[in-house]
Amino acid sequence: MLEKWDPARGVYARNRVRASDKMQLLTRLAFDLHTTHRRHFCADMFALLWDEKLKGVYRGVSANDALWEMRVFNSVIRSEGRGRFSMGHLSFQEFLVARAIVQFQRQGVLLDKYYDPWWRNVLVFYAGTCGDISSFLTHLHNTGPIMEDEGLVKEMMSEARFTSRVVDDFLYDAYGEEDVIEDDGLLDYISDHAYEDGHSQERPYRASGDPEDTGSEETVLD
């Protein structure tokens, strides 16, 4: 959408701002919106970010030009009327927030917002973007017991395909019949049970059920 639509349709290239720069602007905008619990923004907010990040790079392109380009040519920003704009679907904003957190290394924001429903999908997108959430879960566990929270941990683990198998085993063993991990030994468990083949290889995730009753040892989620 950011740069391939025109060539695909055989239309003369109308984009003056590089796709990578638009993505940088969108991720920052999404982050600023989400941290203030908003979905809509005005042209002035967009202009402030444009002037801060990209005005010096594109001297012949104004903030309004860039906003028009991203609305009309790329369809990544939508007019909501009365001078307000959004990114269309909330899930798109949440995805961009997750990218921003990974890019800007703002993991602490998600640690603070873990139990806030407004951030739930961001956490899932973050897990998929990172691929390995061992560090995140360890830091979260150090702040207090990890509540199951209607399957959020399992959903994150199913997306984070390169998280250590040791962490997977710890969560499975620690939950048991409870909905909270009360043991404070995640780091010790990882140290004591580290596999020789390393922690970064893609591992199938044991989402639920008794391992004796799965019909096979593991289930790989595509």
Protein backbone atom coordinates (compact mmCIF):
# COMPACT_ATOMS: atom_id res chain seq x y z
CA MET A 1 0.00 0.00 0.00
CA LEU A 2 2.79 2.43 0.79
CA GLU A 3 4.65 2.16 -2.50
CA LYS A 4 3.56 -0.86 -4.57
CA TRP A 5 -0.01 0.09 -5.47
CA ASP A 6 0.83 2.47 -8.32
CA PRO A 7 3.24 0.10 -10.13
CA ALA A 8 0.80 -2.78 -9.69
CA ARG A 9 -1.95 -0.74 -11.36
CA GLY A 10 0.31 0.75 -14.02
CA VAL A 11 -0.25 4.24 -12.62
CA TYR A 12 2.41 6.93 -12.77
CA ALA A 13 4.27 7.01 -9.44
CA ARG A 14 2.66 9.67 -7.27
CA ASN A 15 4.48 9.04 -3.99
CA ARG A 16 7.13 11.56 -2.99
CA VAL A 17 7.80 10.19 0.48
CA ARG A 18 9.61 6.86 0.85
CA ALA A 19 7.66 3.95 2.27
CA SER A 20 10.21 3.41 5.06
CA ASP A 21 9.80 7.03 6.19
CA LYS A 22 6.03 6.75 6.13
CA MET A 23 6.24 3.63 8.26
CA GLN A 24 8.48 5.43 10.74
CA LEU A 25 5.96 8.26 10.96
CA LEU A 26 3.00 5.90 11.31
CA THR A 27 4.60 3.84 14.08
CA ARG A 28 5.42 6.95 16.09
CA LEU A 29 1.94 8.37 15.52
CA ALA A 30 0.30 5.10 16.54
CA PHE A 31 2.42 4.91 19.69
CA ASP A 32 1.54 8.47 20.72
CA LEU A 33 -2.16 7.80 20.13
CA HIS A 34 -2.28 4.51 21.98
CA THR A 35 -0.40 5.70 25.05
CA THR A 36 -3.04 8.43 25.44
CA HIS A 37 -5.92 6.01 24.81
CA ARG A 38 -6.95 7.61 21.52
CA ARG A 39 -7.75 6.52 17.97
CA HIS A 40 -8.20 9.89 16.29
CA PHE A 41 -5.79 12.69 15.56
CA CYS A 42 -5.91 16.09 13.87
CA ALA A 43 -3.80 17.57 11.09
CA ASP A 44 -1.85 19.64 13.62
CA MET A 45 -0.71 16.52 15.49
CA PHE A 46 0.42 14.95 12.23
CA ALA A 47 2.22 18.18 11.29
CA LEU A 48 4.14 18.26 14.57
CA LEU A 49 5.48 14.77 13.94
CA TRP A 50 6.24 15.53 10.31
CA ASP A 51 8.18 18.67 11.22
CA GLU A 52 10.09 16.82 13.93
CA LYS A 53 10.99 13.74 11.90
CA LEU A 54 10.90 14.40 8.17
CA LYS A 55 10.50 18.08 7.26
CA GLY A 56 14.24 18.49 6.80
CA VAL A 57 14.44 15.43 4.56
CA TYR A 58 11.62 16.43 2.18
CA ARG A 59 11.97 20.16 1.78
CA GLY A 60 9.47 20.35 -1.06
CA VAL A 61 6.79 18.34 0.76
CA SER A 62 4.57 19.89 3.43
CA ALA A 63 2.84 18.02 6.25
CA ASN A 64 -0.46 18.46 4.42
CA ASP A 65 1.09 17.01 1.25
CA ALA A 66 2.29 13.95 3.16
CA LEU A 67 -1.06 13.52 4.91
CA TRP A 68 -2.88 13.72 1.56
CA GLU A 69 -0.49 11.21 0.01
CA MET A 70 -0.99 8.70 2.83
CA ARG A 71 -4.76 9.16 2.70
CA VAL A 72 -5.45 9.21 -1.02
CA PHE A 73 -2.60 7.29 -2.59
CA ASN A 74 -1.80 4.77 0.16
CA SER A 75 -5.10 4.44 2.09
CA VAL A 76 -3.29 3.98 5.41
CA ILE A 77 -4.94 7.03 6.97
CA ARG A 78 -8.68 7.65 6.87
CA SER A 79 -10.64 10.86 7.28
CA GLU A 80 -13.23 10.63 10.05
CA GLY A 81 -14.79 14.04 9.39
CA ARG A 82 -14.62 17.32 11.29
CA GLY A 83 -10.88 17.53 10.81
CA ARG A 84 -10.19 14.18 12.47
CA PHE A 85 -8.24 11.25 11.07
CA SER A 86 -7.53 7.67 12.09
CA MET A 87 -5.67 4.60 10.88
CA GLY A 88 -8.94 2.91 10.03
CA HIS A 89 -9.05 -0.33 11.95
CA LEU A 90 -7.89 -0.33 15.56
CA SER A 91 -5.97 -3.54 14.90
CA PHE A 92 -3.74 -1.67 12.41
CA GLN A 93 -2.93 0.90 15.06
CA GLU A 94 -2.21 -1.88 17.58
CA PHE A 95 0.11 -3.61 15.13
CA LEU A 96 2.02 -0.38 14.55
CA VAL A 97 2.29 0.23 18.30
CA ALA A 98 3.87 -3.20 18.71
CA ARG A 99 6.37 -2.38 15.95
CA ALA A 100 7.16 0.92 17.66
CA ILE A 101 7.79 -0.79 21.00
CA VAL A 102 10.19 -3.25 19.39
CA GLN A 103 11.89 -0.58 17.28
CA PHE A 104 12.29 1.93 20.13
CA GLN A 105 12.98 -0.77 22.76
CA ARG A 106 10.11 0.33 24.99
CA GLN A 107 9.34 -3.04 26.57
CA GLY A 108 8.74 -1.30 29.90
CA VAL A 109 5.55 0.25 28.53
CA LEU A 110 4.02 -3.20 27.98
CA LEU A 111 5.17 -4.40 31.39
CA ASP A 112 3.23 -1.52 32.94
CA LYS A 113 0.17 -2.12 30.75
CA TYR A 114 0.04 -5.92 30.85
CA TYR A 115 -3.30 -6.09 32.71
CA ASP A 116 -4.89 -3.19 30.78
CA PRO A 117 -7.45 -4.54 28.22
CA TRP A 118 -6.66 -1.60 25.89
CA TRP A 119 -3.18 -3.10 25.39
CA ARG A 120 -4.12 -6.76 25.03
CA ASN A 121 -3.84 -7.00 21.23
CA VAL A 122 -0.67 -4.91 21.29
CA LEU A 123 0.86 -7.55 23.58
CA VAL A 124 -0.07 -10.30 21.12
CA PHE A 125 1.30 -8.35 18.15
CA TYR A 126 4.43 -7.62 20.16
CA ALA A 127 4.95 -11.32 20.82
CA GLY A 128 4.64 -12.12 17.13
CA THR A 129 6.94 -9.27 16.13
CA CYS A 130 9.62 -10.19 18.67
CA GLY A 131 9.41 -13.92 18.16
CA ASP A 132 11.06 -14.50 21.55
CA ILE A 133 9.38 -13.17 24.70
CA SER A 134 11.56 -14.96 27.25
CA SER A 135 12.99 -11.67 28.50
CA PHE A 136 9.56 -10.02 28.64
CA LEU A 137 8.01 -12.85 30.67
CA THR A 138 11.00 -12.96 33.00
CA HIS A 139 10.73 -9.24 33.74
CA LEU A 140 6.97 -9.51 34.10
CA HIS A 141 7.34 -12.42 36.50
CA ASN A 142 9.81 -10.42 38.58
CA THR A 143 7.18 -7.72 39.17
CA GLY A 144 4.71 -10.20 40.70
CA PRO A 145 2.62 -13.27 39.94
CA ILE A 146 1.58 -13.65 36.29
CA MET A 147 -2.17 -14.02 36.06
CA GLU A 148 -3.49 -16.24 33.29
CA ASP A 149 -5.88 -13.47 32.20
CA GLU A 150 -8.19 -15.52 29.97
CA GLY A 151 -5.44 -17.13 27.96
CA LEU A 152 -3.33 -14.05 27.18
CA VAL A 153 -0.07 -15.80 28.07
CA LYS A 154 -0.97 -18.77 25.87
CA GLU A 155 -1.96 -16.48 23.01
CA MET A 156 1.33 -14.60 23.27
CA MET A 157 3.30 -17.83 23.41
CA SER A 158 1.54 -19.18 20.34
CA GLU A 159 2.67 -16.08 18.41
CA ALA A 160 6.20 -15.93 19.82
CA ARG A 161 7.46 -18.96 17.94
CA PHE A 162 11.11 -18.58 18.92
CA THR A 163 10.61 -18.29 22.66
CA SER A 164 12.66 -20.78 24.62
CA ARG A 165 11.06 -24.20 24.96
CA VAL A 166 12.21 -24.01 28.59
CA VAL A 167 9.87 -21.06 29.18
CA ASP A 168 7.04 -23.01 27.55
CA ASP A 169 7.67 -25.95 29.89
CA PHE A 170 7.91 -23.68 32.93
CA LEU A 171 4.56 -22.03 32.19
CA TYR A 172 2.89 -25.37 31.57
CA ASP A 173 4.24 -26.87 34.80
CA ALA A 174 3.73 -23.75 36.91
CA TYR A 175 0.10 -23.12 36.05
CA GLY A 176 -1.14 -26.64 36.71
CA GLU A 177 -4.63 -26.33 38.09
CA GLU A 178 -4.14 -22.67 39.08
CA ASP A 179 -4.63 -19.45 37.14
CA VAL A 180 -1.56 -17.74 38.55
CA ILE A 181 2.15 -18.49 38.74
CA GLU A 182 3.12 -17.96 42.37
CA ASP A 183 6.60 -19.47 42.18
CA ASP A 184 9.33 -16.84 41.71
CA GLY A 185 11.84 -19.15 40.07
CA LEU A 186 11.54 -18.52 36.31
CA LEU A 187 15.17 -17.49 35.96
CA ASP A 188 16.32 -20.45 38.07
CA TYR A 189 14.13 -22.79 36.03
CA ILE A 190 15.63 -21.53 32.77
CA SER A 191 19.14 -21.95 34.13
CA ASP A 192 18.48 -25.45 35.43
CA HIS A 193 16.62 -26.77 32.37
CA ALA A 194 18.36 -25.10 29.42
CA TYR A 195 18.47 -27.34 26.39
CA GLU A 196 21.77 -28.02 24.68
CA ASP A 197 20.41 -26.99 21.30
CA GLY A 198 19.79 -23.41 22.49
CA HIS A 199 16.73 -21.26 23.16
CA SER A 200 16.24 -19.44 19.87
CA GLN A 201 15.13 -22.28 17.63
CA GLU A 202 11.51 -22.34 16.53
CA ARG A 203 9.56 -24.54 18.87
CA PRO A 204 6.05 -25.99 18.68
CA TYR A 205 3.81 -24.56 21.37
CA ARG A 206 1.87 -26.79 23.74
CA ALA A 207 -1.25 -24.66 23.96
CA SER A 208 -3.35 -26.77 26.30
CA GLY A 209 -4.31 -30.21 27.39
CA ASP A 210 -2.60 -33.11 29.11
CA PRO A 211 0.62 -34.07 27.30
CA GLU A 212 -0.35 -37.70 27.80
CA ASP A 213 -3.59 -37.14 25.91
CA THR A 214 -2.52 -35.19 22.82
CA GLY A 215 -2.23 -38.08 20.40
CA SER A 216 1.28 -36.91 19.55
CA GLU A 217 4.10 -35.28 21.41
CA GLU A 218 3.64 -31.78 20.05
CA THR A 219 1.35 -29.68 17.87
CA VAL A 220 2.95 -27.18 15.53
CA LEU A 221 0.90 -24.03 14.97
CA ASP A 222 1.49 -22.44 11.54
